[in-house]
Amino acid sequence: MTRRPDPPPLQANEIAAVGTGTGSFAVLLIVALIEHGRLAADGHEWWIGVTAVGVGLGLLGLLWVVPRARARGRTVPPSDGAA
């Protein structure tokens, strides 16, 4: 039995993926700060910290993926026309 060749690596837009996640955490952080009183009353004040850490890690992720994408000479992966 012969082994099939490895499939080509997936092309992904890392900047869009990390940026979307970071933006989502930023929106959630704003909502959590607005609802701080209710979160504190329910014992869920730690949600603010979780969203803040999500934003921070997302920003670190952007600091990592943007230079990588530029070094490879692309910011958007090539499209093969498939949706």
PDB file of N, CA and C in Angstrom:
ATOM      1  N   MET A   1       0.846  -1.167   0.000  1.00  0.00           N
ATOM      2  CA  MET A   1       0.000   0.000   0.000  1.00  0.00           C
ATOM      3  C   MET A   1       0.899   1.240   0.000  1.00  0.00           C
ATOM      4  N   THR A   2       0.647   2.141  -0.927  1.00  0.00           N
ATOM      5  CA  THR A   2       1.458   3.353  -1.013  1.00  0.00           C
ATOM      6  C   THR A   2       0.778   4.495  -0.264  1.00  0.00           C
ATOM      7  N   ARG A   3       1.619   5.336   0.244  1.00  0.00           N
ATOM      8  CA  ARG A   3       1.126   6.474   1.020  1.00  0.00           C
ATOM      9  C   ARG A   3       0.766   7.613   0.074  1.00  0.00           C
ATOM     10  N   ARG A   4      -0.388   8.221   0.333  1.00  0.00           N
ATOM     11  CA  ARG A   4      -0.785   9.377  -0.469  1.00  0.00           C
ATOM     12  C   ARG A   4       0.098  10.568  -0.117  1.00  0.00           C
ATOM     13  N   PRO A   5       0.299  11.475  -1.062  1.00  0.00           N
ATOM     14  CA  PRO A   5       1.109  12.665  -0.751  1.00  0.00           C
ATOM     15  C   PRO A   5       0.361  13.571   0.243  1.00  0.00           C
ATOM     16  N   ASP A   6       1.134  14.303   1.013  1.00  0.00           N
ATOM     17  CA  ASP A   6       0.540  15.233   1.971  1.00  0.00           C
ATOM     18  C   ASP A   6      -0.236  16.317   1.222  1.00  0.00           C
ATOM     19  N   PRO A   7      -1.368  16.741   1.774  1.00  0.00           N
ATOM     20  CA  PRO A   7      -2.103  17.831   1.135  1.00  0.00           C
ATOM     21  C   PRO A   7      -1.338  19.141   1.304  1.00  0.00           C
ATOM     22  N   PRO A   8      -1.596  20.097   0.427  1.00  0.00           N
ATOM     23  CA  PRO A   8      -0.909  21.383   0.579  1.00  0.00           C
ATOM     24  C   PRO A   8      -1.388  22.086   1.847  1.00  0.00           C
ATOM     25  N   PRO A   9      -0.545  22.923   2.445  1.00  0.00           N
ATOM     26  CA  PRO A   9      -0.962  23.627   3.655  1.00  0.00           C
ATOM     27  C   PRO A   9      -2.131  24.573   3.363  1.00  0.00           C
ATOM     28  N   LEU A  10      -2.999  24.722   4.342  1.00  0.00           N
ATOM     29  CA  LEU A  10      -4.130  25.625   4.182  1.00  0.00           C
ATOM     30  C   LEU A  10      -3.639  27.067   4.164  1.00  0.00           C
ATOM     31  N   GLN A  11      -4.248  27.853   3.320  1.00  0.00           N
ATOM     32  CA  GLN A  11      -3.950  29.274   3.282  1.00  0.00           C
ATOM     33  C   GLN A  11      -5.000  29.985   4.125  1.00  0.00           C
ATOM     34  N   ALA A  12      -4.564  30.762   5.094  1.00  0.00           N
ATOM     35  CA  ALA A  12      -5.491  31.468   5.967  1.00  0.00           C
ATOM     36  C   ALA A  12      -5.041  32.912   6.118  1.00  0.00           C
ATOM     37  N   ASN A  13      -5.988  33.774   6.396  1.00  0.00           N
ATOM     38  CA  ASN A  13      -5.667  35.163   6.658  1.00  0.00           C
ATOM     39  C   ASN A  13      -5.545  35.323   8.168  1.00  0.00           C
ATOM     40  N   GLU A  14      -4.330  35.155   8.653  1.00  0.00           N
ATOM     41  CA  GLU A  14      -4.095  35.189  10.093  1.00  0.00           C
ATOM     42  C   GLU A  14      -4.428  36.553  10.687  1.00  0.00           C
ATOM     43  N   ILE A  15      -4.171  37.610   9.937  1.00  0.00           N
ATOM     44  CA  ILE A  15      -4.437  38.958  10.436  1.00  0.00           C
ATOM     45  C   ILE A  15      -5.934  39.141  10.685  1.00  0.00           C
ATOM     46  N   ALA A  16      -6.749  38.674   9.748  1.00  0.00           N
ATOM     47  CA  ALA A  16      -8.200  38.801   9.924  1.00  0.00           C
ATOM     48  C   ALA A  16      -8.690  37.950  11.087  1.00  0.00           C
ATOM     49  N   ALA A  17      -8.146  36.755  11.231  1.00  0.00           N
ATOM     50  CA  ALA A  17      -8.584  35.869  12.311  1.00  0.00           C
ATOM     51  C   ALA A  17      -8.236  36.448  13.679  1.00  0.00           C
ATOM     52  N   VAL A  18      -6.997  36.889  13.847  1.00  0.00           N
ATOM     53  CA  VAL A  18      -6.572  37.437  15.136  1.00  0.00           C
ATOM     54  C   VAL A  18      -7.255  38.779  15.386  1.00  0.00           C
ATOM     55  N   GLY A  19      -7.401  39.569  14.348  1.00  0.00           N
ATOM     56  CA  GLY A  19      -8.068  40.865  14.496  1.00  0.00           C
ATOM     57  C   GLY A  19      -9.531  40.723  14.882  1.00  0.00           C
ATOM     58  N   THR A  20     -10.216  39.748  14.300  1.00  0.00           N
ATOM     59  CA  THR A  20     -11.618  39.507  14.642  1.00  0.00           C
ATOM     60  C   THR A  20     -11.756  39.068  16.095  1.00  0.00           C
ATOM     61  N   GLY A  21     -10.902  38.167  16.528  1.00  0.00           N
ATOM     62  CA  GLY A  21     -10.940  37.728  17.917  1.00  0.00           C
ATOM     63  C   GLY A  21     -10.639  38.854  18.884  1.00  0.00           C
ATOM     64  N   THR A  22      -9.645  39.661  18.558  1.00  0.00           N
ATOM     65  CA  THR A  22      -9.279  40.784  19.421  1.00  0.00           C
ATOM     66  C   THR A  22     -10.412  41.801  19.485  1.00  0.00           C
ATOM     67  N   GLY A  23     -11.004  42.085  18.341  1.00  0.00           N
ATOM     68  CA  GLY A  23     -12.130  43.015  18.309  1.00  0.00           C
ATOM     69  C   GLY A  23     -13.315  42.506  19.100  1.00  0.00           C
ATOM     70  N   SER A  24     -13.565  41.211  19.010  1.00  0.00           N
ATOM     71  CA  SER A  24     -14.668  40.620  19.771  1.00  0.00           C
ATOM     72  C   SER A  24     -14.432  40.759  21.267  1.00  0.00           C
ATOM     73  N   PHE A  25     -13.224  40.488  21.712  1.00  0.00           N
ATOM     74  CA  PHE A  25     -12.908  40.644  23.127  1.00  0.00           C
ATOM     75  C   PHE A  25     -12.996  42.107  23.551  1.00  0.00           C
ATOM     76  N   ALA A  26     -12.622  43.037  22.663  1.00  0.00           N
ATOM     77  CA  ALA A  26     -12.707  44.459  22.999  1.00  0.00           C
ATOM     78  C   ALA A  26     -14.166  44.875  23.196  1.00  0.00           C
ATOM     79  N   VAL A  27     -15.044  44.406  22.320  1.00  0.00           N
ATOM     80  CA  VAL A  27     -16.471  44.716  22.468  1.00  0.00           C
ATOM     81  C   VAL A  27     -17.000  44.119  23.770  1.00  0.00           C
ATOM     82  N   LEU A  28     -16.633  42.885  24.052  1.00  0.00           N
ATOM     83  CA  LEU A  28     -17.073  42.252  25.290  1.00  0.00           C
ATOM     84  C   LEU A  28     -16.529  42.971  26.523  1.00  0.00           C
ATOM     85  N   LEU A  29     -15.312  43.487  26.437  1.00  0.00           N
ATOM     86  CA  LEU A  29     -14.747  44.245  27.554  1.00  0.00           C
ATOM     87  C   LEU A  29     -15.558  45.513  27.798  1.00  0.00           C
ATOM     88  N   ILE A  30     -15.929  46.200  26.742  1.00  0.00           N
ATOM     89  CA  ILE A  30     -16.734  47.413  26.891  1.00  0.00           C
ATOM     90  C   ILE A  30     -18.081  47.086  27.526  1.00  0.00           C
ATOM     91  N   VAL A  31     -18.719  46.011  27.058  1.00  0.00           N
ATOM     92  CA  VAL A  31     -19.998  45.599  27.634  1.00  0.00           C
ATOM     93  C   VAL A  31     -19.823  45.223  29.104  1.00  0.00           C
ATOM     94  N   ALA A  32     -18.765  44.503  29.423  1.00  0.00           N
ATOM     95  CA  ALA A  32     -18.528  44.107  30.809  1.00  0.00           C
ATOM     96  C   ALA A  32     -18.287  45.324  31.700  1.00  0.00           C
ATOM     97  N   LEU A  33     -17.582  46.318  31.189  1.00  0.00           N
ATOM     98  CA  LEU A  33     -17.356  47.526  31.984  1.00  0.00           C
ATOM     99  C   LEU A  33     -18.655  48.302  32.193  1.00  0.00           C
ATOM    100  N   ILE A  34     -19.499  48.340  31.176  1.00  0.00           N
ATOM    101  CA  ILE A  34     -20.797  49.006  31.313  1.00  0.00           C
ATOM    102  C   ILE A  34     -21.660  48.294  32.347  1.00  0.00           C
ATOM    103  N   GLU A  35     -21.606  46.966  32.350  1.00  0.00           N
ATOM    104  CA  GLU A  35     -22.420  46.158  33.256  1.00  0.00           C
ATOM    105  C   GLU A  35     -21.673  45.780  34.539  1.00  0.00           C
ATOM    106  N   HIS A  36     -20.653  46.546  34.907  1.00  0.00           N
ATOM    107  CA  HIS A  36     -19.823  46.219  36.054  1.00  0.00           C
ATOM    108  C   HIS A  36     -20.635  45.996  37.330  1.00  0.00           C
ATOM    109  N   GLY A  37     -21.601  46.860  37.585  1.00  0.00           N
ATOM    110  CA  GLY A  37     -22.397  46.729  38.799  1.00  0.00           C
ATOM    111  C   GLY A  37     -23.149  45.418  38.866  1.00  0.00           C
ATOM    112  N   ARG A  38     -23.765  45.038  37.761  1.00  0.00           N
ATOM    113  CA  ARG A  38     -24.521  43.781  37.731  1.00  0.00           C
ATOM    114  C   ARG A  38     -23.578  42.579  37.846  1.00  0.00           C
ATOM    115  N   LEU A  39     -22.441  42.653  37.173  1.00  0.00           N
ATOM    116  CA  LEU A  39     -21.482  41.545  37.258  1.00  0.00           C
ATOM    117  C   LEU A  39     -20.971  41.378  38.682  1.00  0.00           C
ATOM    118  N   ALA A  40     -20.682  42.499  39.342  1.00  0.00           N
ATOM    119  CA  ALA A  40     -20.190  42.430  40.723  1.00  0.00           C
ATOM    120  C   ALA A  40     -21.256  41.856  41.647  1.00  0.00           C
ATOM    121  N   ALA A  41     -22.496  42.249  41.444  1.00  0.00           N
ATOM    122  CA  ALA A  41     -23.585  41.756  42.299  1.00  0.00           C
ATOM    123  C   ALA A  41     -23.796  40.254  42.132  1.00  0.00           C
ATOM    124  N   ASP A  42     -23.556  39.751  40.924  1.00  0.00           N
ATOM    125  CA  ASP A  42     -23.752  38.323  40.652  1.00  0.00           C
ATOM    126  C   ASP A  42     -22.497  37.490  40.897  1.00  0.00           C
ATOM    127  N   GLY A  43     -21.402  38.128  41.284  1.00  0.00           N
ATOM    128  CA  GLY A  43     -20.165  37.390  41.532  1.00  0.00           C
ATOM    129  C   GLY A  43     -19.392  37.049  40.263  1.00  0.00           C
ATOM    130  N   HIS A  44     -19.663  37.797  39.198  1.00  0.00           N
ATOM    131  CA  HIS A  44     -18.987  37.531  37.915  1.00  0.00           C
ATOM    132  C   HIS A  44     -18.056  38.667  37.509  1.00  0.00           C
ATOM    133  N   GLU A  45     -17.526  39.357  38.483  1.00  0.00           N
ATOM    134  CA  GLU A  45     -16.631  40.472  38.200  1.00  0.00           C
ATOM    135  C   GLU A  45     -15.362  40.025  37.462  1.00  0.00           C
ATOM    136  N   TRP A  46     -15.000  38.770  37.614  1.00  0.00           N
ATOM    137  CA  TRP A  46     -13.799  38.240  36.964  1.00  0.00           C
ATOM    138  C   TRP A  46     -13.931  38.230  35.441  1.00  0.00           C
ATOM    139  N   TRP A  47     -15.151  38.354  34.907  1.00  0.00           N
ATOM    140  CA  TRP A  47     -15.332  38.393  33.459  1.00  0.00           C
ATOM    141  C   TRP A  47     -14.609  39.589  32.847  1.00  0.00           C
ATOM    142  N   ILE A  48     -14.520  40.684  33.616  1.00  0.00           N
ATOM    143  CA  ILE A  48     -13.811  41.866  33.123  1.00  0.00           C
ATOM    144  C   ILE A  48     -12.339  41.532  32.903  1.00  0.00           C
ATOM    145  N   GLY A  49     -11.761  40.809  33.837  1.00  0.00           N
ATOM    146  CA  GLY A  49     -10.359  40.406  33.689  1.00  0.00           C
ATOM    147  C   GLY A  49     -10.144  39.473  32.514  1.00  0.00           C
ATOM    148  N   VAL A  50     -11.086  38.557  32.316  1.00  0.00           N
ATOM    149  CA  VAL A  50     -10.961  37.614  31.200  1.00  0.00           C
ATOM    150  C   VAL A  50     -10.972  38.362  29.868  1.00  0.00           C
ATOM    151  N   THR A  51     -11.899  39.311  29.729  1.00  0.00           N
ATOM    152  CA  THR A  51     -11.973  40.043  28.464  1.00  0.00           C
ATOM    153  C   THR A  51     -10.756  40.948  28.274  1.00  0.00           C
ATOM    154  N   ALA A  52     -10.251  41.526  29.368  1.00  0.00           N
ATOM    155  CA  ALA A  52      -9.051  42.365  29.264  1.00  0.00           C
ATOM    156  C   ALA A  52      -7.844  41.530  28.832  1.00  0.00           C
ATOM    157  N   VAL A  53      -7.718  40.345  29.393  1.00  0.00           N
ATOM    158  CA  VAL A  53      -6.617  39.456  28.996  1.00  0.00           C
ATOM    159  C   VAL A  53      -6.786  39.036  27.535  1.00  0.00           C
ATOM    160  N   GLY A  54      -8.024  38.792  27.103  1.00  0.00           N
ATOM    161  CA  GLY A  54      -8.273  38.440  25.704  1.00  0.00           C
ATOM    162  C   GLY A  54      -7.830  39.538  24.756  1.00  0.00           C
ATOM    163  N   VAL A  55      -8.115  40.794  25.119  1.00  0.00           N
ATOM    164  CA  VAL A  55      -7.674  41.920  24.291  1.00  0.00           C
ATOM    165  C   VAL A  55      -6.145  41.996  24.285  1.00  0.00           C
ATOM    166  N   GLY A  56      -5.538  41.863  25.450  1.00  0.00           N
ATOM    167  CA  GLY A  56      -4.076  41.931  25.528  1.00  0.00           C
ATOM    168  C   GLY A  56      -3.389  40.847  24.718  1.00  0.00           C
ATOM    169  N   LEU A  57      -3.878  39.622  24.852  1.00  0.00           N
ATOM    170  CA  LEU A  57      -3.271  38.529  24.079  1.00  0.00           C
ATOM    171  C   LEU A  57      -3.518  38.699  22.579  1.00  0.00           C
ATOM    172  N   GLY A  58      -4.685  39.231  22.246  1.00  0.00           N
ATOM    173  CA  GLY A  58      -4.968  39.493  20.833  1.00  0.00           C
ATOM    174  C   GLY A  58      -4.023  40.529  20.252  1.00  0.00           C
ATOM    175  N   LEU A  59      -3.744  41.578  21.021  1.00  0.00           N
ATOM    176  CA  LEU A  59      -2.796  42.589  20.547  1.00  0.00           C
ATOM    177  C   LEU A  59      -1.393  42.005  20.393  1.00  0.00           C
ATOM    178  N   LEU A  60      -1.003  41.147  21.331  1.00  0.00           N
ATOM    179  CA  LEU A  60       0.292  40.464  21.176  1.00  0.00           C
ATOM    180  C   LEU A  60       0.285  39.574  19.937  1.00  0.00           C
ATOM    181  N   GLY A  61      -0.845  38.923  19.694  1.00  0.00           N
ATOM    182  CA  GLY A  61      -0.963  38.094  18.498  1.00  0.00           C
ATOM    183  C   GLY A  61      -0.826  38.909  17.229  1.00  0.00           C
ATOM    184  N   LEU A  62      -1.428  40.091  17.214  1.00  0.00           N
ATOM    185  CA  LEU A  62      -1.287  40.959  16.036  1.00  0.00           C
ATOM    186  C   LEU A  62       0.151  41.408  15.850  1.00  0.00           C
ATOM    187  N   LEU A  63       0.840  41.673  16.970  1.00  0.00           N
ATOM    188  CA  LEU A  63       2.263  42.030  16.866  1.00  0.00           C
ATOM    189  C   LEU A  63       3.081  40.887  16.284  1.00  0.00           C
ATOM    190  N   TRP A  64       2.586  39.689  16.409  1.00  0.00           N
ATOM    191  CA  TRP A  64       3.287  38.515  15.886  1.00  0.00           C
ATOM    192  C   TRP A  64       2.930  38.253  14.420  1.00  0.00           C
ATOM    193  N   VAL A  65       1.634  38.282  14.073  1.00  0.00           N
ATOM    194  CA  VAL A  65       1.234  37.840  12.738  1.00  0.00           C
ATOM    195  C   VAL A  65       1.410  38.903  11.655  1.00  0.00           C
ATOM    196  N   VAL A  66       1.291  40.195  12.001  1.00  0.00           N
ATOM    197  CA  VAL A  66       1.423  41.227  10.968  1.00  0.00           C
ATOM    198  C   VAL A  66       2.830  41.228  10.364  1.00  0.00           C
ATOM    199  N   PRO A  67       3.903  41.261  11.162  1.00  0.00           N
ATOM    200  CA  PRO A  67       5.237  41.203  10.541  1.00  0.00           C
ATOM    201  C   PRO A  67       5.488  39.898   9.782  1.00  0.00           C
ATOM    202  N   ARG A  68       4.938  38.795  10.295  1.00  0.00           N
ATOM    203  CA  ARG A  68       5.098  37.511   9.591  1.00  0.00           C
ATOM    204  C   ARG A  68       4.467  37.553   8.216  1.00  0.00           C
ATOM    205  N   ALA A  69       3.267  38.111   8.146  1.00  0.00           N
ATOM    206  CA  ALA A  69       2.575  38.189   6.856  1.00  0.00           C
ATOM    207  C   ALA A  69       3.318  39.121   5.906  1.00  0.00           C
ATOM    208  N   ARG A  70       3.807  40.220   6.435  1.00  0.00           N
ATOM    209  CA  ARG A  70       4.571  41.150   5.578  1.00  0.00           C
ATOM    210  C   ARG A  70       5.865  40.515   5.089  1.00  0.00           C
ATOM    211  N   ALA A  71       6.522  39.737   5.947  1.00  0.00           N
ATOM    212  CA  ALA A  71       7.774  39.080   5.551  1.00  0.00           C
ATOM    213  C   ALA A  71       7.547  38.076   4.435  1.00  0.00           C
ATOM    214  N   ARG A  72       6.367  37.450   4.452  1.00  0.00           N
ATOM    215  CA  ARG A  72       6.038  36.505   3.387  1.00  0.00           C
ATOM    216  C   ARG A  72       5.525  37.206   2.142  1.00  0.00           C
ATOM    217  N   GLY A  73       5.377  38.526   2.243  1.00  0.00           N
ATOM    218  CA  GLY A  73       4.982  39.298   1.075  1.00  0.00           C
ATOM    219  C   GLY A  73       3.495  39.288   0.792  1.00  0.00           C
ATOM    220  N   ARG A  74       2.691  39.011   1.803  1.00  0.00           N
ATOM    221  CA  ARG A  74       1.245  39.043   1.579  1.00  0.00           C
ATOM    222  C   ARG A  74       0.545  39.377   2.885  1.00  0.00           C
ATOM    223  N   THR A  75      -0.587  40.030   2.738  1.00  0.00           N
ATOM    224  CA  THR A  75      -1.426  40.275   3.895  1.00  0.00           C
ATOM    225  C   THR A  75      -2.752  39.542   3.744  1.00  0.00           C
ATOM    226  N   VAL A  76      -3.072  39.134   2.524  1.00  0.00           N
ATOM    227  CA  VAL A  76      -4.282  38.361   2.270  1.00  0.00           C
ATOM    228  C   VAL A  76      -3.873  37.146   1.465  1.00  0.00           C
ATOM    229  N   PRO A  77      -4.333  35.956   1.845  1.00  0.00           N
ATOM    230  CA  PRO A  77      -3.926  34.767   1.100  1.00  0.00           C
ATOM    231  C   PRO A  77      -4.501  34.783  -0.309  1.00  0.00           C
ATOM    232  N   PRO A  78      -3.795  34.153  -1.238  1.00  0.00           N
ATOM    233  CA  PRO A  78      -4.324  34.090  -2.603  1.00  0.00           C
ATOM    234  C   PRO A  78      -5.629  33.312  -2.642  1.00  0.00           C
ATOM    235  N   SER A  79      -6.548  33.782  -3.462  1.00  0.00           N
ATOM    236  CA  SER A  79      -7.849  33.132  -3.566  1.00  0.00           C
ATOM    237  C   SER A  79      -7.848  32.220  -4.779  1.00  0.00           C
ATOM    238  N   ASP A  80      -8.389  31.019  -4.576  1.00  0.00           N
ATOM    239  CA  ASP A  80      -8.492  30.094  -5.711  1.00  0.00           C
ATOM    240  C   ASP A  80      -9.890  30.139  -6.318  1.00  0.00           C
ATOM    241  N   GLY A  81     -10.734  31.087  -5.847  1.00  0.00           N
ATOM    242  CA  GLY A  81     -12.063  31.238  -6.394  1.00  0.00           C
ATOM    243  C   GLY A  81     -13.112  30.378  -5.717  1.00  0.00           C
ATOM    244  N   ALA A  82     -12.689  29.467  -4.852  1.00  0.00           N
ATOM    245  CA  ALA A  82     -13.643  28.608  -4.141  1.00  0.00           C
ATOM    246  C   ALA A  82     -14.175  29.358  -2.940  1.00  0.00           C
ATOM    247  N   ALA A  83     -15.461  29.224  -2.710  1.00  0.00           N
ATOM    248  CA  ALA A  83     -16.065  29.920  -1.564  1.00  0.00           C
ATOM    249  C   ALA A  83     -16.259  28.976  -0.414  1.00  0.00           C
TER     250      ALA A  83
END
